[in-house]
Amino acid sequence: MVMALDKNELEFSIFCIENIACKLGKTGDEVYQMLAEDSDILDEYIITNYETLHTQSKEYIVEDIIAYMREQGVTE
């Protein structure tokens, strides 16, 4: 279940989902399901670490989250 987000966190979440989808050749819906329904990565990693992650480059953010997804067993 996704927690209530402020505007910046919501925009950042969408940014992450869309860029991960692009990198993995998946749809945004598929990546959202992987991050929010199949796991708690959206809430427990992306939103929790928003303050740090949003200061990084797009490439770093995408690669970092994909690496975390692999560590958590969320398949691509």
N, C-alpha and C. Protein backbone atom coordinates (compact mmCIF):
# COMPACT_ATOMS: atom_id res chain seq x y z
N MET A 1 0.85 -1.18 0.00
CA MET A 1 0.00 0.00 0.00
C MET A 1 0.90 1.24 0.00
N VAL A 2 0.62 2.17 -0.86
CA VAL A 2 1.42 3.39 -0.98
C VAL A 2 0.93 4.42 0.02
N MET A 3 1.86 5.02 0.75
CA MET A 3 1.50 6.04 1.74
C MET A 3 1.20 7.36 1.06
N ALA A 4 0.59 8.28 1.78
CA ALA A 4 0.29 9.61 1.26
C ALA A 4 1.60 10.35 1.01
N LEU A 5 1.72 10.96 -0.15
CA LEU A 5 2.94 11.64 -0.54
C LEU A 5 2.70 13.13 -0.72
N ASP A 6 3.74 13.92 -0.48
CA ASP A 6 3.61 15.32 -0.85
C ASP A 6 3.88 15.43 -2.35
N LYS A 7 3.68 16.60 -2.91
CA LYS A 7 3.78 16.80 -4.35
C LYS A 7 5.16 16.41 -4.88
N ASN A 8 6.22 16.81 -4.20
CA ASN A 8 7.57 16.49 -4.66
C ASN A 8 7.85 15.00 -4.64
N GLU A 9 7.41 14.33 -3.58
CA GLU A 9 7.60 12.87 -3.50
C GLU A 9 6.80 12.15 -4.58
N LEU A 10 5.60 12.63 -4.85
CA LEU A 10 4.78 12.03 -5.90
C LEU A 10 5.44 12.20 -7.26
N GLU A 11 5.89 13.42 -7.56
CA GLU A 11 6.57 13.65 -8.83
C GLU A 11 7.84 12.82 -8.95
N PHE A 12 8.59 12.69 -7.86
CA PHE A 12 9.80 11.89 -7.87
C PHE A 12 9.47 10.41 -8.08
N SER A 13 8.42 9.93 -7.46
CA SER A 13 8.01 8.53 -7.63
C SER A 13 7.66 8.25 -9.08
N ILE A 14 6.93 9.14 -9.69
CA ILE A 14 6.56 8.98 -11.10
C ILE A 14 7.80 9.02 -11.98
N PHE A 15 8.70 9.96 -11.70
CA PHE A 15 9.97 10.05 -12.41
C PHE A 15 10.72 8.72 -12.34
N CYS A 16 10.83 8.16 -11.14
CA CYS A 16 11.53 6.88 -10.96
C CYS A 16 10.86 5.76 -11.73
N ILE A 17 9.56 5.64 -11.58
CA ILE A 17 8.81 4.57 -12.25
C ILE A 17 8.98 4.65 -13.76
N GLU A 18 8.80 5.82 -14.32
CA GLU A 18 8.89 5.97 -15.78
C GLU A 18 10.30 5.73 -16.30
N ASN A 19 11.31 6.19 -15.59
CA ASN A 19 12.68 5.99 -16.05
C ASN A 19 13.15 4.55 -15.87
N ILE A 20 12.71 3.90 -14.82
CA ILE A 20 13.02 2.48 -14.65
C ILE A 20 12.32 1.68 -15.75
N ALA A 21 11.07 2.02 -16.04
CA ALA A 21 10.33 1.34 -17.10
C ALA A 21 11.06 1.47 -18.43
N CYS A 22 11.52 2.65 -18.73
CA CYS A 22 12.25 2.89 -19.97
C CYS A 22 13.52 2.04 -20.02
N LYS A 23 14.27 2.01 -18.93
CA LYS A 23 15.52 1.24 -18.85
C LYS A 23 15.27 -0.26 -19.00
N LEU A 24 14.17 -0.75 -18.43
CA LEU A 24 13.87 -2.18 -18.45
C LEU A 24 13.02 -2.61 -19.64
N GLY A 25 12.56 -1.65 -20.44
CA GLY A 25 11.70 -1.99 -21.57
C GLY A 25 10.32 -2.47 -21.13
N LYS A 26 9.83 -1.90 -20.04
CA LYS A 26 8.52 -2.26 -19.50
C LYS A 26 7.63 -1.03 -19.49
N THR A 27 6.36 -1.24 -19.20
CA THR A 27 5.44 -0.11 -19.06
C THR A 27 5.54 0.44 -17.64
N GLY A 28 5.07 1.66 -17.48
CA GLY A 28 5.01 2.25 -16.15
C GLY A 28 4.14 1.43 -15.21
N ASP A 29 3.05 0.89 -15.74
CA ASP A 29 2.15 0.06 -14.93
C ASP A 29 2.87 -1.18 -14.41
N GLU A 30 3.67 -1.81 -15.28
CA GLU A 30 4.41 -3.02 -14.87
C GLU A 30 5.41 -2.69 -13.76
N VAL A 31 6.13 -1.58 -13.92
CA VAL A 31 7.12 -1.20 -12.91
C VAL A 31 6.43 -0.79 -11.61
N TYR A 32 5.33 -0.06 -11.70
CA TYR A 32 4.58 0.29 -10.49
C TYR A 32 4.17 -0.97 -9.74
N GLN A 33 3.69 -1.96 -10.47
CA GLN A 33 3.29 -3.22 -9.82
C GLN A 33 4.48 -3.86 -9.12
N MET A 34 5.64 -3.85 -9.79
CA MET A 34 6.84 -4.44 -9.19
C MET A 34 7.26 -3.70 -7.91
N LEU A 35 7.15 -2.37 -7.93
CA LEU A 35 7.64 -1.56 -6.81
C LEU A 35 6.63 -1.39 -5.68
N ALA A 36 5.34 -1.45 -5.99
CA ALA A 36 4.33 -1.14 -4.97
C ALA A 36 3.42 -2.30 -4.62
N GLU A 37 3.21 -3.20 -5.56
CA GLU A 37 2.29 -4.31 -5.29
C GLU A 37 3.02 -5.62 -5.04
N ASP A 38 4.09 -5.89 -5.80
CA ASP A 38 4.86 -7.12 -5.62
C ASP A 38 5.89 -6.98 -4.50
N SER A 39 6.18 -5.75 -4.10
CA SER A 39 7.15 -5.47 -3.04
C SER A 39 6.76 -4.15 -2.37
N ASP A 40 7.55 -3.74 -1.39
CA ASP A 40 7.30 -2.45 -0.74
C ASP A 40 8.42 -1.46 -1.05
N ILE A 41 9.09 -1.66 -2.19
CA ILE A 41 10.23 -0.82 -2.56
C ILE A 41 9.84 0.64 -2.73
N LEU A 42 8.68 0.91 -3.28
CA LEU A 42 8.27 2.30 -3.48
C LEU A 42 8.20 3.04 -2.14
N ASP A 43 7.51 2.47 -1.18
CA ASP A 43 7.38 3.11 0.14
C ASP A 43 8.66 3.03 0.96
N GLU A 44 9.21 1.82 1.06
CA GLU A 44 10.29 1.56 2.00
C GLU A 44 11.67 1.95 1.49
N TYR A 45 11.84 2.16 0.20
CA TYR A 45 13.15 2.54 -0.31
C TYR A 45 13.11 3.89 -1.03
N ILE A 46 12.26 4.00 -2.03
CA ILE A 46 12.25 5.22 -2.86
C ILE A 46 11.77 6.42 -2.05
N ILE A 47 10.62 6.30 -1.41
CA ILE A 47 10.07 7.43 -0.65
C ILE A 47 10.88 7.67 0.62
N THR A 48 11.25 6.60 1.30
CA THR A 48 12.03 6.74 2.53
C THR A 48 13.36 7.44 2.27
N ASN A 49 13.96 7.19 1.12
CA ASN A 49 15.26 7.77 0.78
C ASN A 49 15.15 8.94 -0.19
N TYR A 50 13.97 9.52 -0.31
CA TYR A 50 13.74 10.63 -1.24
C TYR A 50 14.76 11.75 -1.08
N GLU A 51 14.99 12.18 0.16
CA GLU A 51 15.88 13.33 0.40
C GLU A 51 17.27 13.09 -0.18
N THR A 52 17.77 11.88 -0.11
CA THR A 52 19.09 11.57 -0.66
C THR A 52 19.01 11.29 -2.16
N LEU A 53 18.08 10.43 -2.55
CA LEU A 53 18.02 10.01 -3.95
C LEU A 53 17.76 11.16 -4.92
N HIS A 54 16.87 12.08 -4.57
CA HIS A 54 16.49 13.10 -5.54
C HIS A 54 17.62 14.09 -5.86
N THR A 55 18.71 14.02 -5.09
CA THR A 55 19.85 14.89 -5.36
C THR A 55 20.84 14.27 -6.34
N GLN A 56 20.60 13.02 -6.73
CA GLN A 56 21.51 12.28 -7.60
C GLN A 56 21.10 12.43 -9.07
N SER A 57 21.97 11.95 -9.97
CA SER A 57 21.66 11.98 -11.40
C SER A 57 20.60 10.93 -11.73
N LYS A 58 19.94 11.13 -12.85
CA LYS A 58 18.92 10.18 -13.30
C LYS A 58 19.53 8.79 -13.43
N GLU A 59 20.71 8.70 -14.04
CA GLU A 59 21.35 7.40 -14.25
C GLU A 59 21.64 6.71 -12.92
N TYR A 60 22.15 7.46 -11.95
CA TYR A 60 22.44 6.89 -10.65
C TYR A 60 21.16 6.37 -9.99
N ILE A 61 20.13 7.18 -10.00
CA ILE A 61 18.86 6.81 -9.37
C ILE A 61 18.31 5.53 -9.97
N VAL A 62 18.25 5.47 -11.30
CA VAL A 62 17.70 4.29 -11.99
C VAL A 62 18.54 3.05 -11.68
N GLU A 63 19.85 3.15 -11.80
CA GLU A 63 20.72 1.99 -11.55
C GLU A 63 20.65 1.56 -10.09
N ASP A 64 20.60 2.51 -9.17
CA ASP A 64 20.52 2.20 -7.75
C ASP A 64 19.23 1.46 -7.42
N ILE A 65 18.12 1.94 -7.94
CA ILE A 65 16.84 1.29 -7.65
C ILE A 65 16.77 -0.09 -8.30
N ILE A 66 17.26 -0.22 -9.52
CA ILE A 66 17.26 -1.54 -10.18
C ILE A 66 18.14 -2.52 -9.39
N ALA A 67 19.29 -2.07 -8.91
CA ALA A 67 20.15 -2.93 -8.09
C ALA A 67 19.42 -3.35 -6.81
N TYR A 68 18.71 -2.42 -6.20
CA TYR A 68 17.95 -2.74 -4.99
C TYR A 68 16.82 -3.72 -5.31
N MET A 69 16.18 -3.54 -6.45
CA MET A 69 15.12 -4.46 -6.86
C MET A 69 15.69 -5.87 -6.98
N ARG A 70 16.86 -6.01 -7.58
CA ARG A 70 17.50 -7.32 -7.71
C ARG A 70 17.82 -7.92 -6.35
N GLU A 71 18.37 -7.09 -5.44
CA GLU A 71 18.69 -7.56 -4.09
C GLU A 71 17.44 -8.08 -3.38
N GLN A 72 16.31 -7.45 -3.64
CA GLN A 72 15.05 -7.82 -2.99
C GLN A 72 14.33 -8.96 -3.70
N GLY A 73 14.89 -9.42 -4.81
CA GLY A 73 14.29 -10.53 -5.54
C GLY A 73 13.12 -10.12 -6.42
N VAL A 74 13.03 -8.84 -6.73
CA VAL A 74 11.98 -8.38 -7.63
C VAL A 74 12.52 -8.55 -9.04
N THR A 75 11.90 -9.43 -9.78
CA THR A 75 12.43 -9.78 -11.10
C THR A 75 12.12 -8.72 -12.13
N GLU A 76 12.99 -8.65 -13.09
CA GLU A 76 12.82 -7.72 -14.20
C GLU A 76 12.05 -8.43 -15.27
